Amino acid sequence: MNAQFIYLLVFILGVVMAIWMQKRFCILCDASNIDPKPFSYARLQLLWWTFIILVSFISILAATGKMPTFDTSTLLLLGIGALTTASARIVDVADDNKYKEAVTEATADDEATPPKNSKDMKSEGFWLDILSDKTGISIPRFQAVVFNLFFGIWFIWRTVINLHQAGFGSSDEVIDKIMPIIPLNNLILLGISAGTYVALKSSENK
């Protein structure tokens, strides 16, 4: 079977699985009790790169019968996504604790209840949720989404092109080069975007 067709098949199956998991478990939504829950940029970023790398890995394995070795840049991509999600969650937990304390103080002093945290506000739709903070569209969020979107598309495109040369007779060296290497400066760019998002997220509810 053509290696590129295998990639397309695995990609479609992955999309179907991701849609099912979103509908069943709301994996792209913030940890909130509100309904409908708002979408989370941090979770989206982690799922985006996990999905792309996993589809590429499974496709290479199915097309060649050999397991590729991840390049350091690929591992760093996953690390950036995981660290962004973990940091965003830490910020949310801290903001929840501050909100509970503020509500308790307001109740004791008969004052107005403080405004809810951003993650506890109803979803306004996928794009508005991931691009907006509590005050509206956020340029750093927009920047981060655009960078991750285009780097992800480039990663998929290069993988599909490189798969054209792959087969069960391919050497380990050829297989390990199917997934592209992302230059260090580009990884730094993605890291800066993620770091800016987390830094500004900590001030969203203040």
C-alpha atoms as a PDB file:
ATOM      1  CA  MET A   1       0.000   0.000   0.000  1.00  0.00           C
ATOM      2  CA  ASN A   2       1.243   3.512  -0.828  1.00  0.00           C
ATOM      3  CA  ALA A   3       2.867   5.122   2.235  1.00  0.00           C
ATOM      4  CA  GLN A   4       1.199   8.481   1.595  1.00  0.00           C
ATOM      5  CA  PHE A   5      -2.213   6.807   1.381  1.00  0.00           C
ATOM      6  CA  ILE A   6      -1.485   5.157   4.723  1.00  0.00           C
ATOM      7  CA  TYR A   7      -0.765   8.592   6.195  1.00  0.00           C
ATOM      8  CA  LEU A   8      -4.052   9.947   4.828  1.00  0.00           C
ATOM      9  CA  LEU A   9      -5.969   7.000   6.272  1.00  0.00           C
ATOM     10  CA  VAL A  10      -4.334   7.318   9.693  1.00  0.00           C
ATOM     11  CA  PHE A  11      -4.898  11.095   9.633  1.00  0.00           C
ATOM     12  CA  ILE A  12      -8.632  10.685   8.922  1.00  0.00           C
ATOM     13  CA  LEU A  13      -8.977   8.046  11.651  1.00  0.00           C
ATOM     14  CA  GLY A  14      -7.142  10.365  14.044  1.00  0.00           C
ATOM     15  CA  VAL A  15      -9.468  13.265  13.255  1.00  0.00           C
ATOM     16  CA  VAL A  16     -12.525  11.051  13.812  1.00  0.00           C
ATOM     17  CA  MET A  17     -11.093   9.850  17.141  1.00  0.00           C
ATOM     18  CA  ALA A  18     -10.290  13.409  18.248  1.00  0.00           C
ATOM     19  CA  ILE A  19     -13.821  14.598  17.384  1.00  0.00           C
ATOM     20  CA  TRP A  20     -15.339  11.658  19.285  1.00  0.00           C
ATOM     21  CA  MET A  21     -13.169  12.339  22.346  1.00  0.00           C
ATOM     22  CA  GLN A  22     -14.091  16.021  22.260  1.00  0.00           C
ATOM     23  CA  LYS A  23     -17.803  15.227  22.119  1.00  0.00           C
ATOM     24  CA  ARG A  24     -17.521  12.494  24.752  1.00  0.00           C
ATOM     25  CA  PHE A  25     -14.963  13.948  27.168  1.00  0.00           C
ATOM     26  CA  CYS A  26     -14.582  17.611  26.098  1.00  0.00           C
ATOM     27  CA  ILE A  27     -10.792  17.207  25.960  1.00  0.00           C
ATOM     28  CA  LEU A  28     -10.271  20.683  24.495  1.00  0.00           C
ATOM     29  CA  CYS A  29     -12.264  22.474  27.187  1.00  0.00           C
ATOM     30  CA  ASP A  30     -11.121  24.154  30.380  1.00  0.00           C
ATOM     31  CA  ALA A  31     -11.669  22.355  33.682  1.00  0.00           C
ATOM     32  CA  SER A  32     -14.838  24.230  34.579  1.00  0.00           C
ATOM     33  CA  ASN A  33     -18.317  23.531  35.958  1.00  0.00           C
ATOM     34  CA  ILE A  34     -19.936  25.999  33.565  1.00  0.00           C
ATOM     35  CA  ASP A  35     -21.992  24.795  30.597  1.00  0.00           C
ATOM     36  CA  PRO A  36     -20.972  25.068  27.836  1.00  0.00           C
ATOM     37  CA  LYS A  37     -17.344  24.927  28.928  1.00  0.00           C
ATOM     38  CA  PRO A  38     -14.967  27.326  27.144  1.00  0.00           C
ATOM     39  CA  PHE A  39     -12.269  25.933  24.858  1.00  0.00           C
ATOM     40  CA  SER A  40      -8.689  26.037  26.134  1.00  0.00           C
ATOM     41  CA  TYR A  41      -5.801  27.265  23.973  1.00  0.00           C
ATOM     42  CA  ALA A  42      -3.247  25.350  26.075  1.00  0.00           C
ATOM     43  CA  ARG A  43      -5.091  22.048  25.646  1.00  0.00           C
ATOM     44  CA  LEU A  44      -5.561  22.714  21.952  1.00  0.00           C
ATOM     45  CA  GLN A  45      -1.840  23.296  21.470  1.00  0.00           C
ATOM     46  CA  LEU A  46      -0.933  20.077  23.290  1.00  0.00           C
ATOM     47  CA  LEU A  47      -3.498  18.037  21.333  1.00  0.00           C
ATOM     48  CA  TRP A  48      -2.414  19.664  18.035  1.00  0.00           C
ATOM     49  CA  TRP A  49       1.204  18.552  18.319  1.00  0.00           C
ATOM     50  CA  THR A  50       0.387  15.227  19.960  1.00  0.00           C
ATOM     51  CA  PHE A  51      -2.005  14.465  17.103  1.00  0.00           C
ATOM     52  CA  ILE A  52       0.454  15.459  14.359  1.00  0.00           C
ATOM     53  CA  ILE A  53       3.383  13.527  15.828  1.00  0.00           C
ATOM     54  CA  LEU A  54       1.312  10.463  16.704  1.00  0.00           C
ATOM     55  CA  VAL A  55      -0.229  10.275  13.220  1.00  0.00           C
ATOM     56  CA  SER A  56       3.232  10.607  11.675  1.00  0.00           C
ATOM     57  CA  PHE A  57       4.660   7.929  13.972  1.00  0.00           C
ATOM     58  CA  ILE A  58       1.855   5.420  13.293  1.00  0.00           C
ATOM     59  CA  SER A  59       1.995   6.090   9.539  1.00  0.00           C
ATOM     60  CA  ILE A  60       5.758   5.489   9.388  1.00  0.00           C
ATOM     61  CA  LEU A  61       5.428   2.325  11.456  1.00  0.00           C
ATOM     62  CA  ALA A  62       2.615   1.004   9.244  1.00  0.00           C
ATOM     63  CA  ALA A  63       4.357   1.918   5.979  1.00  0.00           C
ATOM     64  CA  THR A  64       7.839   0.617   6.838  1.00  0.00           C
ATOM     65  CA  GLY A  65       7.343  -1.918   9.599  1.00  0.00           C
ATOM     66  CA  LYS A  66      10.013  -0.088  11.607  1.00  0.00           C
ATOM     67  CA  MET A  67       9.736   2.284  14.544  1.00  0.00           C
ATOM     68  CA  PRO A  68      11.238   5.744  13.875  1.00  0.00           C
ATOM     69  CA  THR A  69      13.493   7.449  16.404  1.00  0.00           C
ATOM     70  CA  PHE A  70      12.215  10.849  17.462  1.00  0.00           C
ATOM     71  CA  ASP A  71      14.528  13.776  16.831  1.00  0.00           C
ATOM     72  CA  THR A  72      15.249  16.092  19.756  1.00  0.00           C
ATOM     73  CA  SER A  73      13.241  18.880  18.112  1.00  0.00           C
ATOM     74  CA  THR A  74      10.161  16.632  18.023  1.00  0.00           C
ATOM     75  CA  LEU A  75      10.487  15.869  21.726  1.00  0.00           C
ATOM     76  CA  LEU A  76      10.902  19.575  22.462  1.00  0.00           C
ATOM     77  CA  LEU A  77       7.675  20.298  20.568  1.00  0.00           C
ATOM     78  CA  LEU A  78       5.787  17.902  22.820  1.00  0.00           C
ATOM     79  CA  GLY A  79       7.576  19.358  25.829  1.00  0.00           C
ATOM     80  CA  ILE A  80       6.496  22.894  24.953  1.00  0.00           C
ATOM     81  CA  GLY A  81       2.879  21.756  24.614  1.00  0.00           C
ATOM     82  CA  ALA A  82       2.940  19.784  27.870  1.00  0.00           C
ATOM     83  CA  LEU A  83       4.647  22.585  29.818  1.00  0.00           C
ATOM     84  CA  THR A  84       2.186  25.173  28.474  1.00  0.00           C
ATOM     85  CA  THR A  85      -0.786  23.040  29.534  1.00  0.00           C
ATOM     86  CA  ALA A  86       0.672  22.318  32.976  1.00  0.00           C
ATOM     87  CA  SER A  87       1.545  25.989  33.572  1.00  0.00           C
ATOM     88  CA  ALA A  88      -1.905  27.138  32.463  1.00  0.00           C
ATOM     89  CA  ARG A  89      -3.498  24.627  34.825  1.00  0.00           C
ATOM     90  CA  ILE A  90      -1.374  25.861  37.734  1.00  0.00           C
ATOM     91  CA  VAL A  91      -2.497  29.426  36.990  1.00  0.00           C
ATOM     92  CA  ASP A  92      -6.148  28.306  36.888  1.00  0.00           C
ATOM     93  CA  VAL A  93      -5.876  26.516  40.247  1.00  0.00           C
ATOM     94  CA  ALA A  94      -4.252  29.567  41.848  1.00  0.00           C
ATOM     95  CA  ASP A  95      -6.949  31.852  40.408  1.00  0.00           C
ATOM     96  CA  ASP A  96      -9.683  29.504  41.670  1.00  0.00           C
ATOM     97  CA  ASN A  97      -8.292  29.708  45.198  1.00  0.00           C
ATOM     98  CA  LYS A  98      -8.110  33.510  45.019  1.00  0.00           C
ATOM     99  CA  TYR A  99     -11.676  33.664  43.689  1.00  0.00           C
ATOM    100  CA  LYS A 100     -13.005  31.488  46.522  1.00  0.00           C
ATOM    101  CA  GLU A 101     -11.272  33.705  49.069  1.00  0.00           C
ATOM    102  CA  ALA A 102     -12.683  36.828  47.409  1.00  0.00           C
ATOM    103  CA  VAL A 103     -16.211  35.379  47.421  1.00  0.00           C
ATOM    104  CA  THR A 104     -15.896  34.458  51.102  1.00  0.00           C
ATOM    105  CA  GLU A 105     -14.718  37.967  52.010  1.00  0.00           C
ATOM    106  CA  ALA A 106     -17.447  39.592  49.890  1.00  0.00           C
ATOM    107  CA  THR A 107     -20.120  37.446  51.561  1.00  0.00           C
ATOM    108  CA  ALA A 108     -18.828  38.284  55.028  1.00  0.00           C
ATOM    109  CA  ASP A 109     -18.780  42.010  54.257  1.00  0.00           C
ATOM    110  CA  ASP A 110     -22.095  41.977  52.321  1.00  0.00           C
ATOM    111  CA  GLU A 111     -20.315  43.171  49.196  1.00  0.00           C
ATOM    112  CA  ALA A 112     -21.009  42.332  45.564  1.00  0.00           C
ATOM    113  CA  THR A 113     -19.723  38.959  44.375  1.00  0.00           C
ATOM    114  CA  PRO A 114     -16.474  39.401  42.383  1.00  0.00           C
ATOM    115  CA  PRO A 115     -16.580  38.619  38.639  1.00  0.00           C
ATOM    116  CA  LYS A 116     -15.931  35.016  37.653  1.00  0.00           C
ATOM    117  CA  ASN A 117     -12.606  33.793  36.354  1.00  0.00           C
ATOM    118  CA  SER A 118     -12.279  33.553  32.575  1.00  0.00           C
ATOM    119  CA  LYS A 119     -12.411  29.750  32.552  1.00  0.00           C
ATOM    120  CA  ASP A 120     -15.766  29.859  34.359  1.00  0.00           C
ATOM    121  CA  MET A 121     -17.411  32.024  31.714  1.00  0.00           C
ATOM    122  CA  LYS A 122     -19.618  30.353  29.115  1.00  0.00           C
ATOM    123  CA  SER A 123     -18.098  29.437  25.776  1.00  0.00           C
ATOM    124  CA  GLU A 124     -18.508  31.990  23.010  1.00  0.00           C
ATOM    125  CA  GLY A 125     -17.437  29.578  20.294  1.00  0.00           C
ATOM    126  CA  PHE A 126     -14.200  27.785  19.434  1.00  0.00           C
ATOM    127  CA  TRP A 127     -12.247  30.619  17.799  1.00  0.00           C
ATOM    128  CA  LEU A 128     -13.313  33.339  20.231  1.00  0.00           C
ATOM    129  CA  ASP A 129     -12.470  31.131  23.207  1.00  0.00           C
ATOM    130  CA  ILE A 130      -8.926  30.309  22.129  1.00  0.00           C
ATOM    131  CA  LEU A 131      -8.126  33.775  20.771  1.00  0.00           C
ATOM    132  CA  SER A 132      -9.666  35.839  23.577  1.00  0.00           C
ATOM    133  CA  ASP A 133      -8.863  36.611  27.179  1.00  0.00           C
ATOM    134  CA  LYS A 134     -11.268  38.299  29.578  1.00  0.00           C
ATOM    135  CA  THR A 135     -10.970  41.633  27.761  1.00  0.00           C
ATOM    136  CA  GLY A 136     -11.315  40.441  24.165  1.00  0.00           C
ATOM    137  CA  ILE A 137      -9.119  39.227  21.313  1.00  0.00           C
ATOM    138  CA  SER A 138      -5.538  38.814  22.541  1.00  0.00           C
ATOM    139  CA  ILE A 139      -2.655  39.535  20.138  1.00  0.00           C
ATOM    140  CA  PRO A 140      -0.261  37.108  21.911  1.00  0.00           C
ATOM    141  CA  ARG A 141      -2.860  34.337  21.666  1.00  0.00           C
ATOM    142  CA  PHE A 142      -3.438  35.130  18.000  1.00  0.00           C
ATOM    143  CA  GLN A 143       0.313  35.083  17.381  1.00  0.00           C
ATOM    144  CA  ALA A 144       0.710  31.735  19.142  1.00  0.00           C
ATOM    145  CA  VAL A 145      -2.190  30.160  17.225  1.00  0.00           C
ATOM    146  CA  VAL A 146      -0.837  31.346  13.857  1.00  0.00           C
ATOM    147  CA  PHE A 147       2.713  30.125  14.544  1.00  0.00           C
ATOM    148  CA  ASN A 148       1.553  26.699  15.754  1.00  0.00           C
ATOM    149  CA  LEU A 149      -0.903  26.339  12.878  1.00  0.00           C
ATOM    150  CA  PHE A 150       1.660  27.063  10.158  1.00  0.00           C
ATOM    151  CA  PHE A 151       4.470  25.057  11.748  1.00  0.00           C
ATOM    152  CA  GLY A 152       2.050  22.144  12.150  1.00  0.00           C
ATOM    153  CA  ILE A 153       0.940  22.302   8.503  1.00  0.00           C
ATOM    154  CA  TRP A 154       4.594  22.467   7.431  1.00  0.00           C
ATOM    155  CA  PHE A 155       5.415  19.430   9.605  1.00  0.00           C
ATOM    156  CA  ILE A 156       2.572  17.425   8.026  1.00  0.00           C
ATOM    157  CA  TRP A 157       3.538  18.502   4.498  1.00  0.00           C
ATOM    158  CA  ARG A 158       7.208  17.558   4.935  1.00  0.00           C
ATOM    159  CA  THR A 159       6.308  14.214   6.495  1.00  0.00           C
ATOM    160  CA  VAL A 160       3.958  13.325   3.630  1.00  0.00           C
ATOM    161  CA  ILE A 161       6.622  14.269   1.046  1.00  0.00           C
ATOM    162  CA  ASN A 162       9.319  12.243   2.818  1.00  0.00           C
ATOM    163  CA  LEU A 163       7.002   9.243   3.082  1.00  0.00           C
ATOM    164  CA  HIS A 164       7.094   8.998  -0.715  1.00  0.00           C
ATOM    165  CA  GLN A 165      10.541   7.415  -0.437  1.00  0.00           C
ATOM    166  CA  ALA A 166       9.586   5.085   2.416  1.00  0.00           C
ATOM    167  CA  GLY A 167       8.870   1.373   2.268  1.00  0.00           C
ATOM    168  CA  PHE A 168       9.588  -1.905   4.008  1.00  0.00           C
ATOM    169  CA  GLY A 169      13.083  -1.899   2.533  1.00  0.00           C
ATOM    170  CA  SER A 170      13.998   1.536   3.835  1.00  0.00           C
ATOM    171  CA  SER A 171      17.037   1.883   6.085  1.00  0.00           C
ATOM    172  CA  ASP A 172      16.819   3.161   9.650  1.00  0.00           C
ATOM    173  CA  GLU A 173      18.549   6.366   8.560  1.00  0.00           C
ATOM    174  CA  VAL A 174      15.886   7.091   5.932  1.00  0.00           C
ATOM    175  CA  ILE A 175      13.058   6.274   8.348  1.00  0.00           C
ATOM    176  CA  ASP A 176      14.442   8.546  11.063  1.00  0.00           C
ATOM    177  CA  LYS A 177      14.482  11.468   8.598  1.00  0.00           C
ATOM    178  CA  ILE A 178      10.838  11.166   7.516  1.00  0.00           C
ATOM    179  CA  MET A 179       9.602  13.450  10.284  1.00  0.00           C
ATOM    180  CA  PRO A 180      11.260  16.853   9.688  1.00  0.00           C
ATOM    181  CA  ILE A 181      13.705  18.494  12.053  1.00  0.00           C
ATOM    182  CA  ILE A 182      12.513  21.872  13.294  1.00  0.00           C
ATOM    183  CA  PRO A 183      15.386  24.395  13.542  1.00  0.00           C
ATOM    184  CA  LEU A 184      16.325  25.576  17.029  1.00  0.00           C
ATOM    185  CA  ASN A 185      15.367  29.205  16.369  1.00  0.00           C
ATOM    186  CA  ASN A 186      11.877  28.132  15.309  1.00  0.00           C
ATOM    187  CA  LEU A 187      11.514  26.071  18.485  1.00  0.00           C
ATOM    188  CA  ILE A 188      12.591  29.113  20.487  1.00  0.00           C
ATOM    189  CA  LEU A 189       9.921  31.139  18.685  1.00  0.00           C
ATOM    190  CA  LEU A 190       7.238  28.610  19.657  1.00  0.00           C
ATOM    191  CA  GLY A 191       8.564  28.553  23.209  1.00  0.00           C
ATOM    192  CA  ILE A 192       8.454  32.354  23.475  1.00  0.00           C
ATOM    193  CA  SER A 193       4.866  32.372  22.181  1.00  0.00           C
ATOM    194  CA  ALA A 194       3.863  29.744  24.735  1.00  0.00           C
ATOM    195  CA  GLY A 195       5.680  31.553  27.538  1.00  0.00           C
ATOM    196  CA  THR A 196       4.021  34.868  26.670  1.00  0.00           C
ATOM    197  CA  TYR A 197       0.605  33.183  26.707  1.00  0.00           C
ATOM    198  CA  VAL A 198       1.199  31.711  30.186  1.00  0.00           C
ATOM    199  CA  ALA A 199       2.637  34.974  31.538  1.00  0.00           C
ATOM    200  CA  LEU A 200      -0.358  36.992  30.355  1.00  0.00           C
ATOM    201  CA  LYS A 201      -2.815  34.305  31.449  1.00  0.00           C
ATOM    202  CA  SER A 202      -1.676  34.828  35.034  1.00  0.00           C
ATOM    203  CA  SER A 203      -2.955  38.416  34.830  1.00  0.00           C
ATOM    204  CA  GLU A 204      -6.277  37.695  33.082  1.00  0.00           C
ATOM    205  CA  ASN A 205      -8.336  37.445  36.267  1.00  0.00           C
ATOM    206  CA  LYS A 206      -6.711  40.304  38.186  1.00  0.00           C
END
